[in-house]
Amino acid sequence: MTRSAVYAGSFDPLTNGHVDIVERGRSVFDRVVVAVARNISKAPLFSIDERIEIVTQTFAGDPGVEVDTFEGLLVDYARAKGAGSILRGLRGVADFEYELQMSNMNRKLAQDIETVFLMTGATHFYVSSRLVKEVAKLGGNLDGVVTPDVARRLKEKYK
């Protein structure tokens, strides 16, 4: 039996914190589906196709990472993908409050799907996509915060 998890997010952009969660999640799960969320209420910097391309290129060498897109209820999507778990990363207390509410709602909606939390590694706990975009917009150095490909793409967006 394959142990599968869905790791969902906007990934706008994908950060090294996200990469860390996926890589560490692979030590727990045979398959991690990185599900890039379509959220019409947000105005992303990168299009859905660009975000899928970034994630796909980042994990191209790992056959246990699948990249997909979704909209709607995450538990419905996880069930459709045959995943018994939702993988989430936590950076700190603020994340925990929100994630606790979400995991409890998901548990009410789908008792057969567990939420598994991984603490973000110490080198990435301060990183968020919002901060990455702000630093990029102001011309700051993002070495070690995002992949070189993402850094290049951010520079192109903020020319």
C-alpha atoms as a PDB file:
ATOM      1  CA  MET A   1       0.000   0.000   0.000  1.00  0.00           C
ATOM      2  CA  THR A   2       1.400   3.370  -1.036  1.00  0.00           C
ATOM      3  CA  ARG A   3       1.389   6.072   1.640  1.00  0.00           C
ATOM      4  CA  SER A   4       0.358   9.289  -0.096  1.00  0.00           C
ATOM      5  CA  ALA A   5      -0.061  12.865   1.059  1.00  0.00           C
ATOM      6  CA  VAL A   6      -1.239  16.056  -0.582  1.00  0.00           C
ATOM      7  CA  TYR A   7       0.743  19.231   0.074  1.00  0.00           C
ATOM      8  CA  ALA A   8      -1.416  22.108  -1.141  1.00  0.00           C
ATOM      9  CA  GLY A   9      -0.699  25.789  -1.429  1.00  0.00           C
ATOM     10  CA  SER A  10      -0.550  28.723  -3.781  1.00  0.00           C
ATOM     11  CA  PHE A  11       3.261  28.441  -4.058  1.00  0.00           C
ATOM     12  CA  ASP A  12       3.406  32.014  -5.359  1.00  0.00           C
ATOM     13  CA  PRO A  13       6.337  31.659  -5.470  1.00  0.00           C
ATOM     14  CA  LEU A  14       7.722  28.323  -4.352  1.00  0.00           C
ATOM     15  CA  THR A  15      10.255  28.948  -1.566  1.00  0.00           C
ATOM     16  CA  ASN A  16      13.030  26.798  -0.142  1.00  0.00           C
ATOM     17  CA  GLY A  17      10.781  26.375   2.906  1.00  0.00           C
ATOM     18  CA  HIS A  18       8.223  24.663   0.665  1.00  0.00           C
ATOM     19  CA  VAL A  19      10.962  22.544  -0.899  1.00  0.00           C
ATOM     20  CA  ASP A  20      12.133  21.523   2.586  1.00  0.00           C
ATOM     21  CA  ILE A  21       8.636  20.377   3.583  1.00  0.00           C
ATOM     22  CA  VAL A  22       8.234  18.305   0.399  1.00  0.00           C
ATOM     23  CA  GLU A  23      11.658  16.695   0.746  1.00  0.00           C
ATOM     24  CA  ARG A  24      11.107  15.860   4.408  1.00  0.00           C
ATOM     25  CA  GLY A  25       7.569  14.711   3.630  1.00  0.00           C
ATOM     26  CA  ARG A  26       9.068  12.222   1.178  1.00  0.00           C
ATOM     27  CA  SER A  27      10.848  10.561   4.095  1.00  0.00           C
ATOM     28  CA  VAL A  28       7.428   9.846   5.601  1.00  0.00           C
ATOM     29  CA  PHE A  29       5.319   9.272   2.480  1.00  0.00           C
ATOM     30  CA  ASP A  30       5.928   7.211  -0.645  1.00  0.00           C
ATOM     31  CA  ARG A  31       4.204   9.862  -2.745  1.00  0.00           C
ATOM     32  CA  VAL A  32       3.644  13.562  -2.158  1.00  0.00           C
ATOM     33  CA  VAL A  33       1.243  15.363  -4.469  1.00  0.00           C
ATOM     34  CA  VAL A  34       2.143  19.042  -4.606  1.00  0.00           C
ATOM     35  CA  ALA A  35      -1.228  20.602  -5.380  1.00  0.00           C
ATOM     36  CA  VAL A  36      -1.012  24.149  -6.689  1.00  0.00           C
ATOM     37  CA  ALA A  37      -4.227  25.882  -5.656  1.00  0.00           C
ATOM     38  CA  ARG A  38      -6.366  27.802  -8.098  1.00  0.00           C
ATOM     39  CA  ASN A  39      -7.781  30.633  -6.039  1.00  0.00           C
ATOM     40  CA  ILE A  40      -9.758  33.199  -8.001  1.00  0.00           C
ATOM     41  CA  SER A  41     -10.011  35.484  -4.956  1.00  0.00           C
ATOM     42  CA  LYS A  42      -6.229  36.053  -4.994  1.00  0.00           C
ATOM     43  CA  ALA A  43      -4.200  37.901  -7.606  1.00  0.00           C
ATOM     44  CA  PRO A  44      -1.014  35.798  -7.881  1.00  0.00           C
ATOM     45  CA  LEU A  45       2.242  37.156  -9.238  1.00  0.00           C
ATOM     46  CA  PHE A  46       2.858  33.946 -11.207  1.00  0.00           C
ATOM     47  CA  SER A  47       0.183  32.331 -13.356  1.00  0.00           C
ATOM     48  CA  ILE A  48      -1.025  28.847 -12.492  1.00  0.00           C
ATOM     49  CA  ASP A  49       0.959  27.480 -15.451  1.00  0.00           C
ATOM     50  CA  GLU A  50       4.148  29.232 -14.291  1.00  0.00           C
ATOM     51  CA  ARG A  51       3.736  27.911 -10.744  1.00  0.00           C
ATOM     52  CA  ILE A  52       3.161  24.357 -12.001  1.00  0.00           C
ATOM     53  CA  GLU A  53       6.240  24.645 -14.223  1.00  0.00           C
ATOM     54  CA  ILE A  54       8.377  25.899 -11.303  1.00  0.00           C
ATOM     55  CA  VAL A  55       7.268  23.089  -8.986  1.00  0.00           C
ATOM     56  CA  THR A  56       7.621  20.466 -11.718  1.00  0.00           C
ATOM     57  CA  GLN A  57      11.172  21.578 -12.568  1.00  0.00           C
ATOM     58  CA  THR A  58      12.158  21.754  -8.905  1.00  0.00           C
ATOM     59  CA  PHE A  59      11.160  18.147  -8.195  1.00  0.00           C
ATOM     60  CA  ALA A  60      11.899  16.653 -11.628  1.00  0.00           C
ATOM     61  CA  GLY A  61      14.415  14.194 -10.173  1.00  0.00           C
ATOM     62  CA  ASP A  62      12.015  12.669  -7.635  1.00  0.00           C
ATOM     63  CA  PRO A  63       9.502  10.164  -9.052  1.00  0.00           C
ATOM     64  CA  GLY A  64       7.664  10.217  -5.707  1.00  0.00           C
ATOM     65  CA  VAL A  65       6.617  13.838  -6.181  1.00  0.00           C
ATOM     66  CA  GLU A  66       3.593  14.502  -8.367  1.00  0.00           C
ATOM     67  CA  VAL A  67       2.565  18.020  -9.355  1.00  0.00           C
ATOM     68  CA  ASP A  68      -1.056  18.913  -9.976  1.00  0.00           C
ATOM     69  CA  THR A  69      -3.522  21.748  -9.585  1.00  0.00           C
ATOM     70  CA  PHE A  70      -6.818  21.842  -7.770  1.00  0.00           C
ATOM     71  CA  GLU A  71      -9.712  23.978  -6.643  1.00  0.00           C
ATOM     72  CA  GLY A  72     -12.472  23.252  -4.193  1.00  0.00           C
ATOM     73  CA  LEU A  73     -12.287  21.362  -0.919  1.00  0.00           C
ATOM     74  CA  LEU A  74      -8.857  19.956  -0.191  1.00  0.00           C
ATOM     75  CA  VAL A  75     -10.255  16.818   1.467  1.00  0.00           C
ATOM     76  CA  ASP A  76     -12.274  16.031  -1.670  1.00  0.00           C
ATOM     77  CA  TYR A  77      -9.167  16.489  -3.770  1.00  0.00           C
ATOM     78  CA  ALA A  78      -7.051  14.335  -1.426  1.00  0.00           C
ATOM     79  CA  ARG A  79      -9.632  11.574  -1.550  1.00  0.00           C
ATOM     80  CA  ALA A  80      -9.767  11.754  -5.373  1.00  0.00           C
ATOM     81  CA  LYS A  81      -5.951  11.414  -5.481  1.00  0.00           C
ATOM     82  CA  GLY A  82      -6.038   8.406  -3.142  1.00  0.00           C
ATOM     83  CA  ALA A  83      -4.145  10.291  -0.435  1.00  0.00           C
ATOM     84  CA  GLY A  84      -4.815   9.447   3.195  1.00  0.00           C
ATOM     85  CA  SER A  85      -2.997  12.514   4.508  1.00  0.00           C
ATOM     86  CA  ILE A  86      -2.705  16.236   4.049  1.00  0.00           C
ATOM     87  CA  LEU A  87       0.832  17.506   4.597  1.00  0.00           C
ATOM     88  CA  ARG A  88       1.268  20.960   6.122  1.00  0.00           C
ATOM     89  CA  GLY A  89       4.265  23.001   7.221  1.00  0.00           C
ATOM     90  CA  LEU A  90       4.310  25.117  10.361  1.00  0.00           C
ATOM     91  CA  ARG A  91       6.609  28.104  10.873  1.00  0.00           C
ATOM     92  CA  GLY A  92       5.349  29.288  14.236  1.00  0.00           C
ATOM     93  CA  VAL A  93       2.423  30.032  16.525  1.00  0.00           C
ATOM     94  CA  ALA A  94       0.599  32.209  13.985  1.00  0.00           C
ATOM     95  CA  ASP A  95       0.616  29.343  11.472  1.00  0.00           C
ATOM     96  CA  PHE A  96      -0.526  26.921  14.159  1.00  0.00           C
ATOM     97  CA  GLU A  97      -3.697  28.875  14.988  1.00  0.00           C
ATOM     98  CA  TYR A  98      -4.849  28.899  11.365  1.00  0.00           C
ATOM     99  CA  GLU A  99      -3.706  25.359  10.597  1.00  0.00           C
ATOM    100  CA  LEU A 100      -5.419  23.976  13.717  1.00  0.00           C
ATOM    101  CA  GLN A 101      -8.729  25.430  12.568  1.00  0.00           C
ATOM    102  CA  MET A 102      -8.257  24.075   9.054  1.00  0.00           C
ATOM    103  CA  SER A 103      -7.222  20.605  10.211  1.00  0.00           C
ATOM    104  CA  ASN A 104     -10.210  20.379  12.546  1.00  0.00           C
ATOM    105  CA  MET A 105     -12.598  21.417   9.769  1.00  0.00           C
ATOM    106  CA  ASN A 106     -10.979  18.933   7.392  1.00  0.00           C
ATOM    107  CA  ARG A 107     -11.305  16.239  10.055  1.00  0.00           C
ATOM    108  CA  LYS A 108     -15.022  17.005  10.380  1.00  0.00           C
ATOM    109  CA  LEU A 109     -15.458  16.828   6.614  1.00  0.00           C
ATOM    110  CA  ALA A 110     -13.329  13.691   6.115  1.00  0.00           C
ATOM    111  CA  GLN A 111     -12.518  11.600   9.172  1.00  0.00           C
ATOM    112  CA  ASP A 112     -10.494   9.188   7.046  1.00  0.00           C
ATOM    113  CA  ILE A 113      -7.931  11.842   6.047  1.00  0.00           C
ATOM    114  CA  GLU A 114      -5.280  12.871   8.573  1.00  0.00           C
ATOM    115  CA  THR A 115      -3.398  16.149   8.637  1.00  0.00           C
ATOM    116  CA  VAL A 116       0.322  15.714   9.254  1.00  0.00           C
ATOM    117  CA  PHE A 117       2.340  18.746  10.351  1.00  0.00           C
ATOM    118  CA  LEU A 118       6.065  19.218   9.841  1.00  0.00           C
ATOM    119  CA  MET A 119       7.870  22.085  11.489  1.00  0.00           C
ATOM    120  CA  THR A 120       9.735  24.207   8.984  1.00  0.00           C
ATOM    121  CA  GLY A 121      13.482  23.805   9.316  1.00  0.00           C
ATOM    122  CA  ALA A 122      15.366  26.441  11.305  1.00  0.00           C
ATOM    123  CA  THR A 123      16.933  27.866   8.165  1.00  0.00           C
ATOM    124  CA  HIS A 124      13.513  28.586   6.601  1.00  0.00           C
ATOM    125  CA  PHE A 125      11.114  29.414   9.457  1.00  0.00           C
ATOM    126  CA  TYR A 126      11.102  33.153   8.640  1.00  0.00           C
ATOM    127  CA  VAL A 127      10.360  32.682   4.921  1.00  0.00           C
ATOM    128  CA  SER A 128       6.949  33.325   3.417  1.00  0.00           C
ATOM    129  CA  SER A 129       5.953  33.826  -0.201  1.00  0.00           C
ATOM    130  CA  ARG A 130       4.634  37.280   0.685  1.00  0.00           C
ATOM    131  CA  LEU A 131       8.008  38.348   2.155  1.00  0.00           C
ATOM    132  CA  VAL A 132       9.902  36.829  -0.770  1.00  0.00           C
ATOM    133  CA  LYS A 133       7.862  38.916  -3.212  1.00  0.00           C
ATOM    134  CA  GLU A 134       8.426  42.057  -1.132  1.00  0.00           C
ATOM    135  CA  VAL A 135      12.200  41.512  -0.992  1.00  0.00           C
ATOM    136  CA  ALA A 136      12.302  40.749  -4.720  1.00  0.00           C
ATOM    137  CA  LYS A 137      10.279  43.850  -5.546  1.00  0.00           C
ATOM    138  CA  LEU A 138      12.778  45.970  -3.597  1.00  0.00           C
ATOM    139  CA  GLY A 139      15.766  44.299  -5.295  1.00  0.00           C
ATOM    140  CA  GLY A 140      16.987  42.328  -2.268  1.00  0.00           C
ATOM    141  CA  ASN A 141      19.152  39.227  -2.297  1.00  0.00           C
ATOM    142  CA  LEU A 142      17.158  35.973  -2.188  1.00  0.00           C
ATOM    143  CA  ASP A 143      20.081  33.523  -2.208  1.00  0.00           C
ATOM    144  CA  GLY A 144      19.168  30.502  -0.099  1.00  0.00           C
ATOM    145  CA  VAL A 145      15.536  31.594   0.197  1.00  0.00           C
ATOM    146  CA  VAL A 146      14.334  30.450  -3.227  1.00  0.00           C
ATOM    147  CA  THR A 147      15.852  28.335  -5.979  1.00  0.00           C
ATOM    148  CA  PRO A 148      18.012  30.149  -8.560  1.00  0.00           C
ATOM    149  CA  ASP A 149      15.217  29.580 -11.123  1.00  0.00           C
ATOM    150  CA  VAL A 150      12.638  31.292  -8.898  1.00  0.00           C
ATOM    151  CA  ALA A 151      15.064  34.155  -8.150  1.00  0.00           C
ATOM    152  CA  ARG A 152      15.579  34.676 -11.880  1.00  0.00           C
ATOM    153  CA  ARG A 153      11.838  34.622 -12.553  1.00  0.00           C
ATOM    154  CA  LEU A 154      11.179  37.108  -9.748  1.00  0.00           C
ATOM    155  CA  LYS A 155      13.782  39.512 -11.171  1.00  0.00           C
ATOM    156  CA  GLU A 156      12.060  39.282 -14.556  1.00  0.00           C
ATOM    157  CA  LYS A 157       8.657  40.027 -13.000  1.00  0.00           C
ATOM    158  CA  TYR A 158       9.933  43.087 -11.131  1.00  0.00           C
ATOM    159  CA  LYS A 159      12.044  44.664 -13.915  1.00  0.00           C
END
